[in-house]
Amino acid sequence: MRTKYKLLVYESDGQKYQDLFVKVMTNVDPSFKPVKPHGNIGDRGNDGWCSDYGKYYQVYAPEDLPSNTEA
């Protein structure tokens, strides 16, 4: 299971990574609420929050990860 999770993290970029984070957080903490972007203001950097703890989360992953093949 741990290997499968690591693979999901490594293969996720951009929006896929944020979606994975939301999926994990909603399973871990029932008070987690994802924030959906609205119009031209987006989500203002808030990708989710936990009302029980007053914690806000901002998640980022680049859309295209450069390959590091140089030795």
Protein backbone atom coordinates (compact mmCIF):
# COMPACT_ATOMS: atom_id res chain seq x y z
CA MET A 1 0.00 0.00 0.00
CA ARG A 2 2.80 2.43 0.85
CA THR A 3 4.46 1.82 -2.51
CA LYS A 4 1.19 2.48 -4.33
CA TYR A 5 0.77 5.77 -2.43
CA LYS A 6 4.33 6.85 -3.25
CA LEU A 7 3.68 6.10 -6.90
CA LEU A 8 0.50 8.22 -6.85
CA VAL A 9 2.44 11.14 -5.35
CA TYR A 10 5.30 10.84 -7.84
CA GLU A 11 2.95 10.61 -10.83
CA SER A 12 0.72 13.52 -9.77
CA ASP A 13 1.41 16.99 -11.06
CA GLY A 14 -0.52 20.24 -11.06
CA GLN A 15 -4.24 19.70 -10.49
CA LYS A 16 -3.82 15.93 -10.04
CA TYR A 17 -1.61 16.55 -7.01
CA GLN A 18 -4.13 18.93 -5.47
CA ASP A 19 -6.94 16.40 -6.10
CA LEU A 20 -4.86 13.69 -4.39
CA PHE A 21 -4.27 15.97 -1.40
CA VAL A 22 -8.01 16.66 -1.07
CA LYS A 23 -8.78 12.93 -1.27
CA VAL A 24 -6.25 12.11 1.45
CA MET A 25 -7.36 14.94 3.74
CA THR A 26 -11.07 14.12 3.45
CA ASN A 27 -10.26 10.54 4.51
CA VAL A 28 -7.98 11.58 7.37
CA ASP A 29 -9.94 14.50 8.85
CA PRO A 30 -13.75 14.72 8.67
CA SER A 31 -13.59 18.48 9.38
CA PHE A 32 -11.50 19.13 6.22
CA LYS A 33 -13.31 21.27 3.65
CA PRO A 34 -11.82 21.69 0.16
CA VAL A 35 -12.01 25.16 -1.39
CA LYS A 36 -13.12 25.41 -5.02
CA PRO A 37 -11.90 28.30 -7.19
CA HIS A 38 -14.52 30.96 -7.95
CA GLY A 39 -14.43 33.06 -11.11
CA ASN A 40 -11.42 35.28 -11.69
CA ILE A 41 -10.39 35.33 -8.00
CA GLY A 42 -9.68 31.59 -7.88
CA ASP A 43 -9.25 30.11 -4.41
CA ARG A 44 -6.90 32.89 -3.24
CA GLY A 45 -4.27 30.32 -2.32
CA ASN A 46 -6.54 28.39 0.05
CA ASP A 47 -6.93 24.82 -1.17
CA GLY A 48 -8.67 23.54 1.93
CA TRP A 49 -9.16 24.07 5.64
CA CYS A 50 -10.00 22.21 8.85
CA SER A 51 -12.66 24.02 10.82
CA ASP A 52 -11.97 22.03 14.01
CA TYR A 53 -8.34 23.19 14.14
CA GLY A 54 -8.40 26.50 12.27
CA LYS A 55 -5.76 25.22 9.81
CA TYR A 56 -5.60 26.33 6.19
CA TYR A 57 -3.72 24.44 3.48
CA GLN A 58 -2.07 25.59 0.29
CA VAL A 59 -0.89 22.87 -2.09
CA TYR A 60 1.28 23.31 -5.17
CA ALA A 61 2.87 21.08 -7.77
CA PRO A 62 4.16 22.27 -11.14
CA GLU A 63 2.27 21.17 -14.26
CA ASP A 64 5.43 19.89 -15.97
CA LEU A 65 8.22 18.36 -13.94
CA PRO A 66 11.59 18.61 -15.68
CA SER A 67 13.37 15.31 -15.95
CA ASN A 68 16.61 15.13 -14.03
CA THR A 69 18.59 12.71 -16.18
CA GLU A 70 21.99 14.42 -15.86
CA ALA A 71 24.48 12.63 -13.69
